[in-house]
């Protein structure tokens, strides 16, 4: 039987970090694409901090909520509507793709650092604010580390896949890019078989502990 109060508390703590993590990740891609010559996301109003422009009802709400309800949130997974990028409009499509792809994980790293700072700030706040902020900050660190590591996996259409396409020689890049239509089904297969969790858990733990150590949190 579900503990409704515990579920509501968990959602209240995790919702803001999840929404910001996904929203800023996508907005960063759009900003980087515009910087390197592709205004597609800008023209469609997707370079925005308004979460409503990025939220996917299934990927941003239903899937993370289901994981929180049925698995206790030990491995949170979600996604937003991808920001449209026309790589052909970039000034140097193959090389600029690297920076556009890196922008999303870089945004998650930045947010993880900000949440770590918020965690430290919670130590000097009154008790009424301290515990909720500390729990939210802890969730923010983990959520952003998960999204950063997940998106750096070398599987198109994840950012790591696009980074690999950018770095590989043209012939290999073209062949590797052809995996993209199968990327999401492969990712779901890895998720539901537990392989994704086994690969990501040590990487996420290392990233989170490195950030926490940097701020002297533990």
N, C-alpha and C. Protein backbone atom coordinates (compact mmCIF):
# COMPACT_ATOMS: atom_id res chain seq x y z
N UNK A 1 0.84 -1.18 0.00
CA UNK A 1 0.00 0.00 0.00
C UNK A 1 0.88 1.25 0.00
N UNK A 2 0.51 2.23 -0.85
CA UNK A 2 1.29 3.44 -0.97
C UNK A 2 1.05 4.36 0.23
N UNK A 3 2.11 5.00 0.70
CA UNK A 3 2.00 6.03 1.72
C UNK A 3 1.84 7.36 0.99
N UNK A 4 0.59 7.86 0.93
CA UNK A 4 0.28 9.04 0.13
C UNK A 4 1.09 10.24 0.59
N UNK A 5 1.21 10.42 1.91
CA UNK A 5 1.95 11.57 2.43
C UNK A 5 3.42 11.51 2.00
N UNK A 6 4.01 10.30 2.06
CA UNK A 6 5.41 10.15 1.66
C UNK A 6 5.58 10.42 0.16
N UNK A 7 4.60 9.97 -0.64
CA UNK A 7 4.66 10.20 -2.09
C UNK A 7 4.59 11.68 -2.40
N UNK A 8 3.66 12.39 -1.74
CA UNK A 8 3.51 13.82 -1.97
C UNK A 8 4.78 14.57 -1.57
N UNK A 9 5.35 14.19 -0.43
CA UNK A 9 6.58 14.83 0.02
C UNK A 9 7.72 14.59 -0.96
N UNK A 10 7.81 13.35 -1.46
CA UNK A 10 8.89 13.03 -2.40
C UNK A 10 8.75 13.82 -3.69
N UNK A 11 7.52 13.89 -4.21
CA UNK A 11 7.28 14.64 -5.44
C UNK A 11 7.58 16.12 -5.23
N UNK A 12 7.18 16.66 -4.07
CA UNK A 12 7.44 18.07 -3.78
C UNK A 12 8.94 18.36 -3.74
N UNK A 13 9.71 17.42 -3.23
CA UNK A 13 11.16 17.61 -3.13
C UNK A 13 11.83 17.46 -4.49
N UNK A 14 11.40 16.49 -5.28
CA UNK A 14 12.10 16.13 -6.51
C UNK A 14 11.62 16.93 -7.73
N UNK A 15 10.38 17.40 -7.72
CA UNK A 15 9.79 18.01 -8.91
C UNK A 15 10.61 19.17 -9.44
N UNK A 16 10.99 20.10 -8.57
CA UNK A 16 11.72 21.28 -9.03
C UNK A 16 13.09 20.92 -9.62
N UNK A 17 13.90 20.09 -8.95
CA UNK A 17 15.18 19.70 -9.56
C UNK A 17 15.02 19.00 -10.91
N UNK A 18 14.01 18.12 -11.03
CA UNK A 18 13.81 17.41 -12.29
C UNK A 18 13.43 18.38 -13.40
N UNK A 19 12.47 19.27 -13.13
CA UNK A 19 12.01 20.20 -14.16
C UNK A 19 13.14 21.12 -14.60
N UNK A 20 13.90 21.67 -13.64
CA UNK A 20 15.01 22.55 -14.01
C UNK A 20 16.10 21.79 -14.75
N UNK A 21 16.38 20.56 -14.32
CA UNK A 21 17.44 19.78 -14.97
C UNK A 21 17.12 19.53 -16.43
N UNK A 22 15.89 19.16 -16.71
CA UNK A 22 15.51 18.85 -18.09
C UNK A 22 15.34 20.13 -18.92
N UNK A 23 14.72 21.16 -18.32
CA UNK A 23 14.48 22.41 -19.04
C UNK A 23 15.78 23.10 -19.44
N UNK A 24 16.68 23.27 -18.49
CA UNK A 24 17.93 23.97 -18.79
C UNK A 24 18.83 23.16 -19.72
N UNK A 25 18.75 21.84 -19.62
CA UNK A 25 19.51 20.98 -20.53
C UNK A 25 19.10 21.27 -21.98
N UNK A 26 17.80 21.29 -22.23
CA UNK A 26 17.32 21.51 -23.60
C UNK A 26 17.57 22.95 -24.06
N UNK A 27 17.34 23.92 -23.16
CA UNK A 27 17.58 25.32 -23.53
C UNK A 27 19.05 25.54 -23.88
N UNK A 28 19.95 24.86 -23.17
CA UNK A 28 21.38 25.01 -23.45
C UNK A 28 21.72 24.53 -24.86
N UNK A 29 21.10 23.43 -25.29
CA UNK A 29 21.32 22.97 -26.67
C UNK A 29 20.89 24.05 -27.67
N UNK A 30 19.72 24.63 -27.43
CA UNK A 30 19.21 25.65 -28.35
C UNK A 30 20.08 26.88 -28.38
N UNK A 31 20.57 27.31 -27.21
CA UNK A 31 21.43 28.48 -27.15
C UNK A 31 22.74 28.22 -27.88
N UNK A 32 23.32 27.04 -27.66
CA UNK A 32 24.59 26.71 -28.33
C UNK A 32 24.39 26.64 -29.84
N UNK A 33 23.27 26.05 -30.27
CA UNK A 33 23.00 25.96 -31.72
C UNK A 33 22.89 27.35 -32.33
N UNK A 34 22.19 28.26 -31.64
CA UNK A 34 22.07 29.63 -32.16
C UNK A 34 23.45 30.30 -32.22
N UNK A 35 24.26 30.08 -31.20
CA UNK A 35 25.60 30.67 -31.16
C UNK A 35 26.44 30.22 -32.35
N UNK A 36 26.26 28.96 -32.77
CA UNK A 36 27.07 28.42 -33.87
C UNK A 36 26.36 28.50 -35.22
N UNK A 37 25.25 29.25 -35.27
CA UNK A 37 24.68 29.57 -36.58
C UNK A 37 23.31 29.02 -36.89
N UNK A 38 22.75 28.16 -36.03
CA UNK A 38 21.43 27.59 -36.32
C UNK A 38 20.37 28.23 -35.41
N UNK A 39 19.51 29.11 -35.95
CA UNK A 39 18.51 29.78 -35.12
C UNK A 39 17.19 29.01 -35.02
N UNK A 40 17.16 27.74 -35.44
CA UNK A 40 15.89 26.99 -35.48
C UNK A 40 15.17 27.00 -34.15
N UNK A 41 15.88 26.65 -33.07
CA UNK A 41 15.25 26.61 -31.75
C UNK A 41 14.78 28.00 -31.33
N UNK A 42 15.57 29.02 -31.63
CA UNK A 42 15.19 30.39 -31.30
C UNK A 42 13.92 30.79 -32.05
N UNK A 43 13.85 30.45 -33.32
CA UNK A 43 12.69 30.80 -34.13
C UNK A 43 11.42 30.11 -33.64
N UNK A 44 11.57 28.94 -33.03
CA UNK A 44 10.42 28.19 -32.52
C UNK A 44 10.15 28.47 -31.04
N UNK A 45 10.87 29.42 -30.45
CA UNK A 45 10.65 29.79 -29.07
C UNK A 45 11.11 28.76 -28.06
N UNK A 46 12.08 27.92 -28.43
CA UNK A 46 12.53 26.86 -27.53
C UNK A 46 13.74 27.24 -26.70
N UNK A 47 14.35 28.40 -26.95
CA UNK A 47 15.42 28.85 -26.07
C UNK A 47 14.75 29.64 -24.96
N UNK A 48 14.26 28.92 -23.99
CA UNK A 48 13.43 29.51 -22.95
C UNK A 48 13.61 28.75 -21.64
N UNK A 49 13.50 29.48 -20.52
CA UNK A 49 13.52 28.84 -19.21
C UNK A 49 12.12 28.48 -18.75
N UNK A 50 11.13 28.69 -19.61
CA UNK A 50 9.75 28.31 -19.30
C UNK A 50 9.62 26.80 -19.46
N UNK A 51 9.42 26.05 -18.37
CA UNK A 51 9.37 24.58 -18.47
C UNK A 51 8.27 24.09 -19.41
N UNK A 52 7.19 24.85 -19.54
CA UNK A 52 6.07 24.40 -20.38
C UNK A 52 6.47 24.25 -21.84
N UNK A 53 7.51 24.96 -22.24
CA UNK A 53 7.97 24.86 -23.64
C UNK A 53 8.78 23.58 -23.89
N UNK A 54 9.21 22.92 -22.83
CA UNK A 54 10.08 21.76 -22.96
C UNK A 54 9.47 20.47 -22.44
N UNK A 55 8.44 20.58 -21.60
CA UNK A 55 7.89 19.40 -20.94
C UNK A 55 7.24 18.45 -21.94
N UNK A 56 7.60 17.19 -21.83
CA UNK A 56 6.92 16.12 -22.56
C UNK A 56 6.05 15.38 -21.53
N UNK A 57 4.74 15.28 -21.75
CA UNK A 57 3.87 14.69 -20.74
C UNK A 57 4.31 13.30 -20.28
N UNK A 58 4.81 12.50 -21.20
CA UNK A 58 5.24 11.14 -20.84
C UNK A 58 6.63 11.16 -20.22
N UNK A 59 7.59 11.76 -20.92
CA UNK A 59 8.98 11.69 -20.49
C UNK A 59 9.32 12.54 -19.29
N UNK A 60 8.63 13.68 -19.14
CA UNK A 60 8.95 14.59 -18.04
C UNK A 60 8.10 14.36 -16.81
N UNK A 61 6.90 13.80 -17.00
CA UNK A 61 5.97 13.65 -15.88
C UNK A 61 5.67 12.19 -15.56
N UNK A 62 5.13 11.45 -16.53
CA UNK A 62 4.64 10.10 -16.23
C UNK A 62 5.77 9.13 -15.88
N UNK A 63 6.82 9.11 -16.69
CA UNK A 63 7.91 8.14 -16.44
C UNK A 63 8.62 8.42 -15.12
N UNK A 64 9.07 9.68 -14.84
CA UNK A 64 9.70 9.92 -13.54
C UNK A 64 8.77 9.63 -12.37
N UNK A 65 7.46 9.98 -12.51
CA UNK A 65 6.51 9.72 -11.43
C UNK A 65 6.35 8.23 -11.18
N UNK A 66 6.29 7.45 -12.27
CA UNK A 66 6.14 6.00 -12.12
C UNK A 66 7.37 5.39 -11.45
N UNK A 67 8.55 5.88 -11.80
CA UNK A 67 9.78 5.37 -11.18
C UNK A 67 9.79 5.70 -9.69
N UNK A 68 9.37 6.93 -9.35
CA UNK A 68 9.32 7.31 -7.94
C UNK A 68 8.34 6.43 -7.16
N UNK A 69 7.20 6.12 -7.79
CA UNK A 69 6.16 5.34 -7.11
C UNK A 69 6.54 3.89 -6.94
N UNK A 70 7.12 3.29 -7.99
CA UNK A 70 7.29 1.84 -7.99
C UNK A 70 8.70 1.35 -7.69
N UNK A 71 9.69 2.27 -7.77
CA UNK A 71 11.05 1.82 -7.49
C UNK A 71 11.71 2.62 -6.38
N UNK A 72 10.98 3.60 -5.85
CA UNK A 72 11.56 4.42 -4.79
C UNK A 72 12.54 5.45 -5.30
N UNK A 73 12.63 5.58 -6.64
CA UNK A 73 13.49 6.60 -7.21
C UNK A 73 14.98 6.28 -7.13
N UNK A 74 15.33 4.99 -7.00
CA UNK A 74 16.75 4.63 -6.91
C UNK A 74 17.49 4.97 -8.21
N UNK A 75 16.76 4.97 -9.33
CA UNK A 75 17.37 5.36 -10.59
C UNK A 75 16.33 6.16 -11.37
N UNK A 76 16.41 7.49 -11.30
CA UNK A 76 15.41 8.35 -11.91
C UNK A 76 15.75 8.57 -13.37
N UNK A 77 14.73 8.47 -14.21
CA UNK A 77 14.93 8.57 -15.65
C UNK A 77 13.81 9.42 -16.23
N UNK A 78 14.14 10.29 -17.16
CA UNK A 78 13.13 11.10 -17.82
C UNK A 78 13.73 11.85 -18.99
N UNK A 79 12.87 12.53 -19.75
CA UNK A 79 13.35 13.30 -20.89
C UNK A 79 12.33 14.39 -21.22
N UNK A 80 12.77 15.36 -22.00
CA UNK A 80 11.90 16.45 -22.44
C UNK A 80 11.77 16.40 -23.96
N UNK A 81 10.95 17.30 -24.50
CA UNK A 81 10.87 17.41 -25.95
C UNK A 81 12.21 17.91 -26.46
N UNK A 82 12.83 17.17 -27.37
CA UNK A 82 14.15 17.61 -27.86
C UNK A 82 14.08 18.97 -28.52
N UNK A 83 15.06 19.81 -28.26
CA UNK A 83 15.16 21.10 -28.93
C UNK A 83 15.54 20.85 -30.39
N UNK A 84 14.83 21.46 -31.34
CA UNK A 84 15.16 21.23 -32.76
C UNK A 84 16.48 21.88 -33.14
N UNK A 85 17.35 21.09 -33.70
CA UNK A 85 18.64 21.58 -34.20
C UNK A 85 18.81 21.13 -35.64
N UNK A 86 19.00 22.08 -36.54
CA UNK A 86 19.28 21.77 -37.94
C UNK A 86 20.79 21.86 -38.13
N UNK A 87 21.45 20.70 -38.04
CA UNK A 87 22.91 20.72 -38.08
C UNK A 87 23.44 21.27 -39.39
N UNK A 88 22.63 21.21 -40.45
CA UNK A 88 23.05 21.75 -41.73
C UNK A 88 23.17 23.26 -41.72
N UNK A 89 22.54 23.92 -40.74
CA UNK A 89 22.60 25.38 -40.66
C UNK A 89 23.76 25.86 -39.78
N UNK A 90 24.42 24.94 -39.11
CA UNK A 90 25.60 25.33 -38.33
C UNK A 90 26.72 25.78 -39.27
N UNK A 91 27.55 26.69 -38.81
CA UNK A 91 28.61 27.20 -39.67
C UNK A 91 29.59 26.11 -40.07
N UNK A 92 29.92 25.23 -39.15
CA UNK A 92 30.79 24.07 -39.42
C UNK A 92 30.08 22.85 -38.84
N UNK A 93 29.17 22.25 -39.59
CA UNK A 93 28.24 21.25 -39.03
C UNK A 93 28.89 20.15 -38.22
N UNK A 94 29.94 19.53 -38.72
CA UNK A 94 30.52 18.38 -38.02
C UNK A 94 31.22 18.79 -36.73
N UNK A 95 32.03 19.84 -36.79
CA UNK A 95 32.77 20.25 -35.60
C UNK A 95 31.87 20.99 -34.60
N UNK A 96 30.95 21.81 -35.09
CA UNK A 96 30.06 22.57 -34.19
C UNK A 96 29.08 21.65 -33.48
N UNK A 97 28.77 20.50 -34.10
CA UNK A 97 27.88 19.54 -33.46
C UNK A 97 28.41 19.14 -32.08
N UNK A 98 29.73 19.06 -31.95
CA UNK A 98 30.35 18.68 -30.68
C UNK A 98 29.92 19.63 -29.56
N UNK A 99 29.98 20.95 -29.82
CA UNK A 99 29.70 21.94 -28.79
C UNK A 99 28.20 22.03 -28.51
N UNK A 100 27.40 21.86 -29.54
CA UNK A 100 25.94 21.86 -29.33
C UNK A 100 25.54 20.67 -28.46
N UNK A 101 26.13 19.51 -28.74
CA UNK A 101 25.81 18.31 -27.96
C UNK A 101 26.33 18.44 -26.53
N UNK A 102 27.51 19.00 -26.34
CA UNK A 102 28.10 19.12 -25.00
C UNK A 102 27.34 20.12 -24.12
N UNK A 103 26.63 21.05 -24.75
CA UNK A 103 25.98 22.12 -23.98
C UNK A 103 24.98 21.58 -22.97
N UNK A 104 24.24 20.52 -23.33
CA UNK A 104 23.24 19.96 -22.42
C UNK A 104 23.87 19.35 -21.17
N UNK A 105 24.80 18.38 -21.31
CA UNK A 105 25.48 17.84 -20.13
C UNK A 105 26.22 18.90 -19.33
N UNK A 106 26.78 19.91 -20.02
CA UNK A 106 27.48 20.98 -19.30
C UNK A 106 26.49 21.76 -18.42
N UNK A 107 25.27 21.97 -18.93
CA UNK A 107 24.25 22.64 -18.13
C UNK A 107 23.90 21.81 -16.90
N UNK A 108 23.84 20.49 -17.05
CA UNK A 108 23.55 19.62 -15.90
C UNK A 108 24.68 19.65 -14.88
N UNK A 109 25.92 19.69 -15.35
CA UNK A 109 27.05 19.81 -14.42
C UNK A 109 26.99 21.12 -13.65
N UNK A 110 26.68 22.19 -14.36
CA UNK A 110 26.55 23.50 -13.70
C UNK A 110 25.46 23.47 -12.64
N UNK A 111 24.31 22.87 -12.98
CA UNK A 111 23.21 22.82 -12.02
C UNK A 111 23.54 21.94 -10.82
N UNK A 112 24.27 20.85 -11.05
CA UNK A 112 24.69 20.00 -9.93
C UNK A 112 25.57 20.80 -8.97
N UNK A 113 26.44 21.63 -9.52
CA UNK A 113 27.30 22.48 -8.68
C UNK A 113 26.47 23.51 -7.92
N UNK A 114 25.47 24.08 -8.58
CA UNK A 114 24.61 25.05 -7.90
C UNK A 114 23.83 24.39 -6.77
N UNK A 115 23.30 23.18 -7.01
CA UNK A 115 22.57 22.47 -5.96
C UNK A 115 23.51 22.10 -4.80
N UNK A 116 24.75 21.80 -5.11
CA UNK A 116 25.72 21.53 -4.04
C UNK A 116 25.93 22.77 -3.18
N UNK A 117 25.98 23.93 -3.82
CA UNK A 117 26.10 25.20 -3.09
C UNK A 117 24.86 25.42 -2.22
N UNK A 118 23.67 25.08 -2.77
CA UNK A 118 22.43 25.21 -2.00
C UNK A 118 22.44 24.29 -0.78
N UNK A 119 23.01 23.09 -0.97
CA UNK A 119 23.12 22.14 0.15
C UNK A 119 23.96 22.76 1.27
N UNK A 120 25.06 23.36 0.88
CA UNK A 120 25.93 23.97 1.91
C UNK A 120 25.24 25.16 2.55
N UNK A 121 24.49 25.91 1.76
CA UNK A 121 23.75 27.05 2.30
C UNK A 121 22.73 26.60 3.34
N UNK A 122 22.17 25.40 3.15
CA UNK A 122 21.14 24.92 4.08
C UNK A 122 21.68 24.76 5.50
N UNK A 123 22.99 24.63 5.64
CA UNK A 123 23.59 24.45 6.97
C UNK A 123 23.43 25.69 7.85
N UNK A 124 23.30 26.87 7.23
CA UNK A 124 23.26 28.10 8.02
C UNK A 124 21.85 28.71 8.07
N UNK A 125 20.87 28.03 7.49
CA UNK A 125 19.50 28.53 7.50
C UNK A 125 18.75 28.01 8.72
N UNK A 126 17.65 28.67 9.09
CA UNK A 126 16.81 28.16 10.17
C UNK A 126 16.30 26.76 9.86
N UNK A 127 16.02 25.99 10.89
CA UNK A 127 15.61 24.60 10.73
C UNK A 127 14.41 24.44 9.81
N UNK A 128 13.51 25.43 9.82
CA UNK A 128 12.29 25.33 9.01
C UNK A 128 12.62 25.22 7.52
N UNK A 129 13.69 25.89 7.08
CA UNK A 129 14.09 25.86 5.67
C UNK A 129 15.21 24.86 5.42
N UNK A 130 15.98 24.58 6.44
CA UNK A 130 17.22 23.83 6.26
C UNK A 130 16.98 22.42 5.70
N UNK A 131 16.13 21.63 6.35
CA UNK A 131 15.93 20.25 5.93
C UNK A 131 15.30 20.13 4.55
N UNK A 132 14.20 20.86 4.25
CA UNK A 132 13.64 20.77 2.89
C UNK A 132 14.64 21.17 1.80
N UNK A 133 15.41 22.25 2.05
CA UNK A 133 16.38 22.69 1.05
C UNK A 133 17.49 21.65 0.88
N UNK A 134 17.94 21.07 2.00
CA UNK A 134 18.99 20.05 1.92
C UNK A 134 18.53 18.85 1.11
N UNK A 135 17.29 18.40 1.35
CA UNK A 135 16.76 17.24 0.61
C UNK A 135 16.58 17.57 -0.87
N UNK A 136 16.10 18.78 -1.16
CA UNK A 136 15.92 19.19 -2.56
C UNK A 136 17.28 19.31 -3.25
N UNK A 137 18.25 19.88 -2.54
CA UNK A 137 19.59 20.03 -3.12
C UNK A 137 20.23 18.67 -3.39
N UNK A 138 20.06 17.73 -2.45
CA UNK A 138 20.59 16.39 -2.64
C UNK A 138 19.98 15.74 -3.87
N UNK A 139 18.64 15.90 -4.02
CA UNK A 139 17.97 15.37 -5.20
C UNK A 139 18.49 16.06 -6.46
N UNK A 140 18.72 17.38 -6.38
CA UNK A 140 19.21 18.12 -7.54
C UNK A 140 20.58 17.65 -8.00
N UNK A 141 21.45 17.34 -7.05
CA UNK A 141 22.78 16.84 -7.40
C UNK A 141 22.65 15.51 -8.14
N UNK A 142 21.86 14.59 -7.56
CA UNK A 142 21.74 13.25 -8.16
C UNK A 142 21.05 13.31 -9.52
N UNK A 143 19.95 14.04 -9.62
CA UNK A 143 19.20 14.12 -10.88
C UNK A 143 20.09 14.66 -11.99
N UNK A 144 20.83 15.72 -11.70
CA UNK A 144 21.68 16.31 -12.74
C UNK A 144 22.87 15.43 -13.09
N UNK A 145 23.40 14.71 -12.11
CA UNK A 145 24.47 13.76 -12.42
C UNK A 145 23.95 12.62 -13.29
N UNK A 146 22.74 12.15 -13.00
CA UNK A 146 22.13 11.10 -13.81
C UNK A 146 21.96 11.57 -15.25
N UNK A 147 21.39 12.76 -15.44
CA UNK A 147 21.16 13.26 -16.80
C UNK A 147 22.47 13.54 -17.52
N UNK A 148 23.45 14.05 -16.80
CA UNK A 148 24.75 14.31 -17.42
C UNK A 148 25.39 13.01 -17.90
N UNK A 149 25.45 12.00 -17.02
CA UNK A 149 26.08 10.73 -17.39
C UNK A 149 25.29 10.03 -18.48
N UNK A 150 23.96 10.00 -18.33
CA UNK A 150 23.11 9.33 -19.32
C UNK A 150 23.33 9.92 -20.70
N UNK A 151 23.32 11.24 -20.78
CA UNK A 151 23.42 11.89 -22.09
C UNK A 151 24.81 11.82 -22.69
N UNK A 152 25.82 11.48 -21.87
CA UNK A 152 27.17 11.34 -22.41
C UNK A 152 27.45 9.92 -22.91
N UNK A 153 26.50 8.99 -22.72
CA UNK A 153 26.69 7.65 -23.26
C UNK A 153 26.76 7.71 -24.79
N UNK A 154 27.68 7.01 -25.40
CA UNK A 154 27.89 7.11 -26.85
C UNK A 154 26.85 6.33 -27.66
N UNK A 155 25.61 6.79 -27.57
CA UNK A 155 24.51 6.14 -28.28
C UNK A 155 23.64 7.21 -28.92
N UNK A 156 23.63 7.33 -30.25
CA UNK A 156 22.71 8.28 -30.89
C UNK A 156 21.27 7.87 -30.57
N UNK A 157 20.36 8.82 -30.31
CA UNK A 157 20.51 10.27 -30.44
C UNK A 157 20.91 10.98 -29.15
N UNK A 158 21.44 10.27 -28.16
CA UNK A 158 21.94 10.93 -26.96
C UNK A 158 23.09 11.86 -27.33
N UNK A 159 23.36 12.81 -26.45
CA UNK A 159 24.42 13.78 -26.74
C UNK A 159 25.76 13.10 -26.95
N UNK A 160 26.03 12.04 -26.18
CA UNK A 160 27.29 11.32 -26.36
C UNK A 160 27.41 10.71 -27.74
N UNK A 161 26.29 10.27 -28.30
CA UNK A 161 26.30 9.75 -29.66
C UNK A 161 26.64 10.82 -30.67
N UNK A 162 26.08 12.02 -30.48
CA UNK A 162 26.38 13.12 -31.39
C UNK A 162 27.82 13.58 -31.23
N UNK A 163 28.33 13.54 -30.00
CA UNK A 163 29.74 13.88 -29.79
C UNK A 163 30.63 12.89 -30.53
N UNK A 164 30.27 11.59 -30.46
CA UNK A 164 31.04 10.58 -31.17
C UNK A 164 31.00 10.81 -32.68
N UNK A 165 29.82 11.14 -33.21
CA UNK A 165 29.70 11.42 -34.64
C UNK A 165 30.59 12.60 -35.03
N UNK A 166 30.64 13.61 -34.16
CA UNK A 166 31.46 14.79 -34.44
C UNK A 166 32.94 14.46 -34.46
N UNK A 167 33.37 13.51 -33.61
CA UNK A 167 34.80 13.22 -33.46
C UNK A 167 35.29 12.14 -34.41
N UNK A 168 34.40 11.25 -34.85
CA UNK A 168 34.82 10.15 -35.72
C UNK A 168 35.15 10.64 -37.13
N UNK A 169 36.01 9.93 -37.85
CA UNK A 169 36.23 10.25 -39.27
C UNK A 169 34.92 10.16 -40.05
N UNK A 170 34.82 10.86 -41.14
CA UNK A 170 33.55 11.01 -41.87
C UNK A 170 32.88 9.67 -42.17
N UNK A 171 33.64 8.70 -42.69
CA UNK A 171 33.03 7.42 -43.07
C UNK A 171 32.47 6.69 -41.86
N UNK A 172 33.24 6.63 -40.78
CA UNK A 172 32.77 5.97 -39.56
C UNK A 172 31.63 6.75 -38.92
N UNK A 173 31.71 8.09 -38.97
CA UNK A 173 30.66 8.93 -38.40
C UNK A 173 29.33 8.68 -39.10
N UNK A 174 29.36 8.57 -40.41
CA UNK A 174 28.14 8.33 -41.19
C UNK A 174 27.53 6.99 -40.82
N UNK A 175 28.36 5.96 -40.70
CA UNK A 175 27.86 4.63 -40.33
C UNK A 175 27.30 4.62 -38.91
N UNK A 176 28.01 5.28 -38.00
CA UNK A 176 27.58 5.31 -36.61
C UNK A 176 26.27 6.07 -36.46
N UNK A 177 26.11 7.15 -37.22
CA UNK A 177 24.89 7.96 -37.14
C UNK A 177 23.65 7.18 -37.57
N UNK A 178 23.83 6.13 -38.38
CA UNK A 178 22.69 5.35 -38.85
C UNK A 178 22.04 4.55 -37.73
N UNK A 179 22.69 4.46 -36.57
CA UNK A 179 22.11 3.77 -35.41
C UNK A 179 20.96 4.58 -34.81
N UNK A 180 20.92 5.90 -35.08
CA UNK A 180 20.03 6.80 -34.37
C UNK A 180 18.56 6.36 -34.31
N UNK A 181 17.95 5.88 -35.41
CA UNK A 181 16.54 5.47 -35.29
C UNK A 181 16.32 4.35 -34.27
N UNK A 182 17.36 3.60 -33.95
CA UNK A 182 17.25 2.48 -33.01
C UNK A 182 17.75 2.86 -31.62
N UNK A 183 18.23 4.09 -31.48
CA UNK A 183 18.84 4.48 -30.22
C UNK A 183 17.91 4.42 -29.02
N UNK A 184 16.72 4.96 -29.17
CA UNK A 184 15.80 4.98 -28.03
C UNK A 184 15.30 3.58 -27.67
N UNK A 185 14.91 2.74 -28.64
CA UNK A 185 14.55 1.36 -28.27
C UNK A 185 15.70 0.62 -27.59
N UNK A 186 16.94 0.85 -28.05
CA UNK A 186 18.10 0.22 -27.40
C UNK A 186 18.22 0.71 -25.96
N UNK A 187 18.02 2.01 -25.76
CA UNK A 187 18.11 2.60 -24.42
C UNK A 187 17.06 1.99 -23.49
N UNK A 188 15.83 1.86 -23.98
CA UNK A 188 14.76 1.26 -23.16
C UNK A 188 15.07 -0.19 -22.83
N UNK A 189 15.62 -0.92 -23.81
CA UNK A 189 15.99 -2.32 -23.57
C UNK A 189 17.06 -2.39 -22.48
N UNK A 190 18.05 -1.53 -22.55
CA UNK A 190 19.10 -1.51 -21.53
C UNK A 190 18.53 -1.13 -20.17
N UNK A 191 17.55 -0.22 -20.17
CA UNK A 191 16.93 0.21 -18.91
C UNK A 191 16.18 -0.93 -18.25
N UNK A 192 15.32 -1.60 -19.01
CA UNK A 192 14.45 -2.62 -18.43
C UNK A 192 15.17 -3.94 -18.14
N UNK A 193 16.32 -4.15 -18.76
CA UNK A 193 17.11 -5.34 -18.44
C UNK A 193 18.07 -5.10 -17.28
N UNK A 194 18.16 -3.84 -16.83
CA UNK A 194 19.03 -3.52 -15.71
C UNK A 194 20.46 -3.19 -16.11
N UNK A 195 20.79 -3.37 -17.39
CA UNK A 195 22.16 -3.11 -17.83
C UNK A 195 22.50 -1.63 -17.71
N UNK A 196 21.53 -0.78 -18.06
CA UNK A 196 21.77 0.66 -18.00
C UNK A 196 22.11 1.10 -16.57
N UNK A 197 21.36 0.57 -15.61
CA UNK A 197 21.62 0.91 -14.22
C UNK A 197 22.99 0.45 -13.76
N UNK A 198 23.39 -0.76 -14.20
CA UNK A 198 24.70 -1.28 -13.79
C UNK A 198 25.84 -0.44 -14.37
N UNK A 199 25.64 0.07 -15.58
CA UNK A 199 26.67 0.90 -16.21
C UNK A 199 26.72 2.28 -15.56
N UNK A 200 25.53 2.84 -15.32
CA UNK A 200 25.48 4.24 -14.88
C UNK A 200 25.70 4.44 -13.39
N UNK A 201 25.28 3.48 -12.57
CA UNK A 201 25.34 3.69 -11.12
C UNK A 201 26.73 4.08 -10.62
N UNK A 202 27.80 3.35 -10.99
CA UNK A 202 29.12 3.78 -10.51
C UNK A 202 29.56 5.13 -11.06
N UNK A 203 29.17 5.44 -12.30
CA UNK A 203 29.55 6.72 -12.89
C UNK A 203 28.82 7.88 -12.22
N UNK A 204 27.52 7.67 -11.95
CA UNK A 204 26.74 8.71 -11.26
C UNK A 204 27.26 8.90 -9.84
N UNK A 205 27.54 7.79 -9.15
CA UNK A 205 28.05 7.88 -7.78
C UNK A 205 29.38 8.61 -7.74
N UNK A 206 30.26 8.29 -8.68
CA UNK A 206 31.56 8.97 -8.73
C UNK A 206 31.38 10.48 -8.96
N UNK A 207 30.49 10.84 -9.90
CA UNK A 207 30.26 12.25 -10.21
C UNK A 207 29.70 13.00 -9.01
N UNK A 208 28.68 12.39 -8.36
CA UNK A 208 28.05 13.04 -7.22
C UNK A 208 29.03 13.20 -6.06
N UNK A 209 29.81 12.15 -5.79
CA UNK A 209 30.78 12.22 -4.69
C UNK A 209 31.87 13.24 -4.97
N UNK A 210 32.28 13.35 -6.24
CA UNK A 210 33.30 14.34 -6.61
C UNK A 210 32.79 15.76 -6.35
N UNK A 211 31.54 16.01 -6.74
CA UNK A 211 30.95 17.34 -6.52
C UNK A 211 30.77 17.62 -5.03
N UNK A 212 30.30 16.61 -4.29
CA UNK A 212 30.11 16.79 -2.86
C UNK A 212 31.44 17.03 -2.15
N UNK A 213 32.48 16.33 -2.59
CA UNK A 213 33.81 16.52 -1.99
C UNK A 213 34.35 17.91 -2.30
N UNK A 214 34.07 18.40 -3.50
CA UNK A 214 34.53 19.72 -3.90
C UNK A 214 33.99 20.80 -2.97
N UNK A 215 32.75 20.62 -2.51
CA UNK A 215 32.12 21.59 -1.63
C UNK A 215 32.23 21.21 -0.16
N UNK A 216 32.93 20.12 0.12
CA UNK A 216 33.10 19.70 1.51
C UNK A 216 31.81 19.32 2.19
N UNK A 217 30.92 18.65 1.44
CA UNK A 217 29.60 18.32 1.99
C UNK A 217 29.65 17.09 2.89
N UNK A 218 30.64 16.20 2.65
CA UNK A 218 30.73 14.98 3.47
C UNK A 218 32.17 14.76 3.89
